Amino acid sequence: MVEKHLRRPAVLELTGLSTTTIYDLMKEGKFPRPIKLTGRAVGWPESRIADWLSSRTAA
């Protein structure tokens, strides 16, 4: 099954975080890193964002 990849605006909306916060958390290893979709585009696998959100609500 093909996994859906979320672009930054969708990730911002789902998480409620700002772009700066997401990139700061990625530097700290606390947020999933995006994968390259094309030469200039990146996206986050939907399952990784869902897992991250689940871990936040459990904590």
PDB file of N, CA and C in Angstrom:
ATOM      1  N   MET A   1       0.836  -1.174   0.000  1.00  0.00           N
ATOM      2  CA  MET A   1       0.000   0.000   0.000  1.00  0.00           C
ATOM      3  C   MET A   1       0.888   1.247   0.000  1.00  0.00           C
ATOM      4  N   VAL A   2       0.524   2.223  -0.785  1.00  0.00           N
ATOM      5  CA  VAL A   2       1.283   3.455  -0.893  1.00  0.00           C
ATOM      6  C   VAL A   2       0.921   4.385   0.261  1.00  0.00           C
ATOM      7  N   GLU A   3       1.950   4.893   0.927  1.00  0.00           N
ATOM      8  CA  GLU A   3       1.715   5.785   2.061  1.00  0.00           C
ATOM      9  C   GLU A   3       1.605   7.233   1.580  1.00  0.00           C
ATOM     10  N   LYS A   4       0.704   7.963   2.193  1.00  0.00           N
ATOM     11  CA  LYS A   4       0.523   9.371   1.882  1.00  0.00           C
ATOM     12  C   LYS A   4       1.613  10.182   2.591  1.00  0.00           C
ATOM     13  N   HIS A   5       2.126  11.190   1.891  1.00  0.00           N
ATOM     14  CA  HIS A   5       3.123  12.079   2.472  1.00  0.00           C
ATOM     15  C   HIS A   5       2.511  13.460   2.645  1.00  0.00           C
ATOM     16  N   LEU A   6       2.763  14.039   3.801  1.00  0.00           N
ATOM     17  CA  LEU A   6       2.194  15.334   4.134  1.00  0.00           C
ATOM     18  C   LEU A   6       3.219  16.430   3.890  1.00  0.00           C
ATOM     19  N   ARG A   7       2.795  17.488   3.253  1.00  0.00           N
ATOM     20  CA  ARG A   7       3.658  18.645   3.048  1.00  0.00           C
ATOM     21  C   ARG A   7       3.596  19.505   4.299  1.00  0.00           C
ATOM     22  N   ARG A   8       4.495  20.459   4.412  1.00  0.00           N
ATOM     23  CA  ARG A   8       4.634  21.262   5.621  1.00  0.00           C
ATOM     24  C   ARG A   8       3.339  21.925   6.085  1.00  0.00           C
ATOM     25  N   PRO A   9       2.556  22.564   5.205  1.00  0.00           N
ATOM     26  CA  PRO A   9       1.324  23.194   5.706  1.00  0.00           C
ATOM     27  C   PRO A   9       0.382  22.204   6.401  1.00  0.00           C
ATOM     28  N   ALA A  10       0.300  20.988   5.890  1.00  0.00           N
ATOM     29  CA  ALA A  10      -0.556  19.978   6.512  1.00  0.00           C
ATOM     30  C   ALA A  10       0.009  19.548   7.867  1.00  0.00           C
ATOM     31  N   VAL A  11       1.333  19.429   7.950  1.00  0.00           N
ATOM     32  CA  VAL A  11       1.973  19.049   9.219  1.00  0.00           C
ATOM     33  C   VAL A  11       1.762  20.152  10.253  1.00  0.00           C
ATOM     34  N   LEU A  12       1.888  21.404   9.826  1.00  0.00           N
ATOM     35  CA  LEU A  12       1.666  22.519  10.741  1.00  0.00           C
ATOM     36  C   LEU A  12       0.239  22.500  11.276  1.00  0.00           C
ATOM     37  N   GLU A  13      -0.702  22.244  10.391  1.00  0.00           N
ATOM     38  CA  GLU A  13      -2.113  22.219  10.807  1.00  0.00           C
ATOM     39  C   GLU A  13      -2.405  21.057  11.754  1.00  0.00           C
ATOM     40  N   LEU A  14      -1.877  19.886  11.439  1.00  0.00           N
ATOM     41  CA  LEU A  14      -2.140  18.708  12.280  1.00  0.00           C
ATOM     42  C   LEU A  14      -1.512  18.821  13.669  1.00  0.00           C
ATOM     43  N   THR A  15      -0.301  19.355  13.724  1.00  0.00           N
ATOM     44  CA  THR A  15       0.413  19.391  14.992  1.00  0.00           C
ATOM     45  C   THR A  15       0.123  20.647  15.803  1.00  0.00           C
ATOM     46  N   GLY A  16      -0.245  21.725  15.131  1.00  0.00           N
ATOM     47  CA  GLY A  16      -0.450  22.988  15.821  1.00  0.00           C
ATOM     48  C   GLY A  16       0.854  23.691  16.151  1.00  0.00           C
ATOM     49  N   LEU A  17       1.959  23.199  15.597  1.00  0.00           N
ATOM     50  CA  LEU A  17       3.275  23.780  15.851  1.00  0.00           C
ATOM     51  C   LEU A  17       3.652  24.754  14.743  1.00  0.00           C
ATOM     52  N   SER A  18       4.612  25.610  15.034  1.00  0.00           N
ATOM     53  CA  SER A  18       5.131  26.516  14.015  1.00  0.00           C
ATOM     54  C   SER A  18       6.261  25.826  13.250  1.00  0.00           C
ATOM     55  N   THR A  19       6.602  26.399  12.118  1.00  0.00           N
ATOM     56  CA  THR A  19       7.710  25.860  11.322  1.00  0.00           C
ATOM     57  C   THR A  19       8.994  25.845  12.135  1.00  0.00           C
ATOM     58  N   THR A  20       9.268  26.930  12.839  1.00  0.00           N
ATOM     59  CA  THR A  20      10.491  27.023  13.641  1.00  0.00           C
ATOM     60  C   THR A  20      10.529  25.940  14.710  1.00  0.00           C
ATOM     61  N   THR A  21       9.409  25.714  15.377  1.00  0.00           N
ATOM     62  CA  THR A  21       9.358  24.689  16.418  1.00  0.00           C
ATOM     63  C   THR A  21       9.594  23.300  15.842  1.00  0.00           C
ATOM     64  N   ILE A  22       8.991  23.022  14.703  1.00  0.00           N
ATOM     65  CA  ILE A  22       9.185  21.708  14.072  1.00  0.00           C
ATOM     66  C   ILE A  22      10.656  21.486  13.744  1.00  0.00           C
ATOM     67  N   TYR A  23      11.305  22.479  13.136  1.00  0.00           N
ATOM     68  CA  TYR A  23      12.708  22.311  12.774  1.00  0.00           C
ATOM     69  C   TYR A  23      13.609  22.267  14.007  1.00  0.00           C
ATOM     70  N   ASP A  24      13.272  22.997  15.056  1.00  0.00           N
ATOM     71  CA  ASP A  24      14.031  22.899  16.304  1.00  0.00           C
ATOM     72  C   ASP A  24      13.905  21.500  16.907  1.00  0.00           C
ATOM     73  N   LEU A  25      12.682  20.953  16.914  1.00  0.00           N
ATOM     74  CA  LEU A  25      12.469  19.595  17.433  1.00  0.00           C
ATOM     75  C   LEU A  25      13.200  18.552  16.588  1.00  0.00           C
ATOM     76  N   MET A  26      13.242  18.756  15.281  1.00  0.00           N
ATOM     77  CA  MET A  26      13.979  17.826  14.417  1.00  0.00           C
ATOM     78  C   MET A  26      15.461  17.839  14.761  1.00  0.00           C
ATOM     79  N   LYS A  27      16.020  19.026  15.023  1.00  0.00           N
ATOM     80  CA  LYS A  27      17.437  19.130  15.402  1.00  0.00           C
ATOM     81  C   LYS A  27      17.713  18.372  16.687  1.00  0.00           C
ATOM     82  N   GLU A  28      16.740  18.380  17.605  1.00  0.00           N
ATOM     83  CA  GLU A  28      16.892  17.690  18.890  1.00  0.00           C
ATOM     84  C   GLU A  28      16.559  16.198  18.794  1.00  0.00           C
ATOM     85  N   GLY A  29      16.102  15.749  17.612  1.00  0.00           N
ATOM     86  CA  GLY A  29      15.732  14.346  17.440  1.00  0.00           C
ATOM     87  C   GLY A  29      14.388  14.005  18.045  1.00  0.00           C
ATOM     88  N   LYS A  30      13.541  15.018  18.251  1.00  0.00           N
ATOM     89  CA  LYS A  30      12.242  14.809  18.896  1.00  0.00           C
ATOM     90  C   LYS A  30      11.067  14.899  17.931  1.00  0.00           C
ATOM     91  N   PHE A  31      11.345  15.046  16.651  1.00  0.00           N
ATOM     92  CA  PHE A  31      10.289  15.122  15.640  1.00  0.00           C
ATOM     93  C   PHE A  31      10.799  14.407  14.400  1.00  0.00           C
ATOM     94  N   PRO A  32       9.925  13.669  13.711  1.00  0.00           N
ATOM     95  CA  PRO A  32      10.386  12.929  12.529  1.00  0.00           C
ATOM     96  C   PRO A  32      10.919  13.853  11.437  1.00  0.00           C
ATOM     97  N   ARG A  33      11.930  13.391  10.753  1.00  0.00           N
ATOM     98  CA  ARG A  33      12.497  14.147   9.637  1.00  0.00           C
ATOM     99  C   ARG A  33      11.700  13.851   8.367  1.00  0.00           C
ATOM    100  N   PRO A  34      11.599  14.841   7.493  1.00  0.00           N
ATOM    101  CA  PRO A  34      10.897  14.605   6.228  1.00  0.00           C
ATOM    102  C   PRO A  34      11.775  13.795   5.280  1.00  0.00           C
ATOM    103  N   ILE A  35      11.155  13.286   4.240  1.00  0.00           N
ATOM    104  CA  ILE A  35      11.910  12.598   3.200  1.00  0.00           C
ATOM    105  C   ILE A  35      11.785  13.402   1.914  1.00  0.00           C
ATOM    106  N   LYS A  36      12.787  13.261   1.055  1.00  0.00           N
ATOM    107  CA  LYS A  36      12.790  13.974  -0.208  1.00  0.00           C
ATOM    108  C   LYS A  36      11.801  13.336  -1.176  1.00  0.00           C
ATOM    109  N   LEU A  37      10.912  14.149  -1.723  1.00  0.00           N
ATOM    110  CA  LEU A  37       9.939  13.663  -2.696  1.00  0.00           C
ATOM    111  C   LEU A  37      10.413  13.942  -4.118  1.00  0.00           C
ATOM    112  N   THR A  38      10.978  15.125  -4.320  1.00  0.00           N
ATOM    113  CA  THR A  38      11.564  15.516  -5.605  1.00  0.00           C
ATOM    114  C   THR A  38      12.836  16.292  -5.290  1.00  0.00           C
ATOM    115  N   GLY A  39      13.396  16.938  -6.275  1.00  0.00           N
ATOM    116  CA  GLY A  39      14.611  17.709  -6.061  1.00  0.00           C
ATOM    117  C   GLY A  39      14.457  18.804  -5.020  1.00  0.00           C
ATOM    118  N   ARG A  40      13.274  19.410  -4.950  1.00  0.00           N
ATOM    119  CA  ARG A  40      13.069  20.528  -4.027  1.00  0.00           C
ATOM    120  C   ARG A  40      11.970  20.284  -3.000  1.00  0.00           C
ATOM    121  N   ALA A  41      11.195  19.259  -3.157  1.00  0.00           N
ATOM    122  CA  ALA A  41      10.044  19.028  -2.278  1.00  0.00           C
ATOM    123  C   ALA A  41      10.334  17.927  -1.256  1.00  0.00           C
ATOM    124  N   VAL A  42       9.856  18.159  -0.040  1.00  0.00           N
ATOM    125  CA  VAL A  42       9.946  17.142   1.004  1.00  0.00           C
ATOM    126  C   VAL A  42       8.556  16.906   1.577  1.00  0.00           C
ATOM    127  N   GLY A  43       8.404  15.782   2.230  1.00  0.00           N
ATOM    128  CA  GLY A  43       7.138  15.455   2.870  1.00  0.00           C
ATOM    129  C   GLY A  43       7.379  14.488   4.014  1.00  0.00           C
ATOM    130  N   TRP A  44       6.470  14.523   4.948  1.00  0.00           N
ATOM    131  CA  TRP A  44       6.538  13.619   6.096  1.00  0.00           C
ATOM    132  C   TRP A  44       5.577  12.469   5.868  1.00  0.00           C
ATOM    133  N   PRO A  45       6.018  11.224   6.038  1.00  0.00           N
ATOM    134  CA  PRO A  45       5.080  10.110   5.957  1.00  0.00           C
ATOM    135  C   PRO A  45       3.977  10.285   7.001  1.00  0.00           C
ATOM    136  N   GLU A  46       2.753  10.135   6.561  1.00  0.00           N
ATOM    137  CA  GLU A  46       1.600  10.349   7.436  1.00  0.00           C
ATOM    138  C   GLU A  46       1.673   9.478   8.689  1.00  0.00           C
ATOM    139  N   SER A  47       2.158   8.249   8.540  1.00  0.00           N
ATOM    140  CA  SER A  47       2.227   7.339   9.687  1.00  0.00           C
ATOM    141  C   SER A  47       3.206   7.843  10.748  1.00  0.00           C
ATOM    142  N   ARG A  48       4.294   8.470  10.341  1.00  0.00           N
ATOM    143  CA  ARG A  48       5.262   8.985  11.316  1.00  0.00           C
ATOM    144  C   ARG A  48       4.676  10.153  12.108  1.00  0.00           C
ATOM    145  N   ILE A  49       3.907  10.996  11.435  1.00  0.00           N
ATOM    146  CA  ILE A  49       3.274  12.121  12.124  1.00  0.00           C
ATOM    147  C   ILE A  49       2.205  11.590  13.088  1.00  0.00           C
ATOM    148  N   ALA A  50       1.434  10.601  12.637  1.00  0.00           N
ATOM    149  CA  ALA A  50       0.409  10.002  13.497  1.00  0.00           C
ATOM    150  C   ALA A  50       1.052   9.357  14.726  1.00  0.00           C
ATOM    151  N   ASP A  51       2.169   8.658  14.537  1.00  0.00           N
ATOM    152  CA  ASP A  51       2.880   8.040  15.658  1.00  0.00           C
ATOM    153  C   ASP A  51       3.391   9.096  16.626  1.00  0.00           C
ATOM    154  N   TRP A  52       3.930  10.192  16.091  1.00  0.00           N
ATOM    155  CA  TRP A  52       4.446  11.270  16.931  1.00  0.00           C
ATOM    156  C   TRP A  52       3.308  11.886  17.737  1.00  0.00           C
ATOM    157  N   LEU A  53       2.180  12.141  17.086  1.00  0.00           N
ATOM    158  CA  LEU A  53       1.040  12.707  17.787  1.00  0.00           C
ATOM    159  C   LEU A  53       0.535  11.757  18.879  1.00  0.00           C
ATOM    160  N   SER A  54       0.511  10.472  18.595  1.00  0.00           N
ATOM    161  CA  SER A  54       0.079   9.482  19.587  1.00  0.00           C
ATOM    162  C   SER A  54       1.009   9.461  20.781  1.00  0.00           C
ATOM    163  N   SER A  55       2.299   9.563  20.529  1.00  0.00           N
ATOM    164  CA  SER A  55       3.257   9.546  21.625  1.00  0.00           C
ATOM    165  C   SER A  55       3.126  10.797  22.488  1.00  0.00           C
ATOM    166  N   ARG A  56       2.734  11.909  21.892  1.00  0.00           N
ATOM    167  CA  ARG A  56       2.556  13.158  22.636  1.00  0.00           C
ATOM    168  C   ARG A  56       1.325  13.086  23.532  1.00  0.00           C
ATOM    169  N   THR A  57       0.257  12.494  23.032  1.00  0.00           N
ATOM    170  CA  THR A  57      -0.978  12.408  23.842  1.00  0.00           C
ATOM    171  C   THR A  57      -0.819  11.375  24.954  1.00  0.00           C
ATOM    172  N   ALA A  58       0.033  10.370  24.729  1.00  0.00           N
ATOM    173  CA  ALA A  58       0.256   9.351  25.754  1.00  0.00           C
ATOM    174  C   ALA A  58       1.131   9.884  26.883  1.00  0.00           C
ATOM    175  N   ALA A  59       1.952  10.871  26.579  1.00  0.00           N
ATOM    176  CA  ALA A  59       2.908  11.386  27.581  1.00  0.00           C
ATOM    177  C   ALA A  59       2.298  12.372  28.487  1.00  0.00           C
TER     178      ALA A  59
END
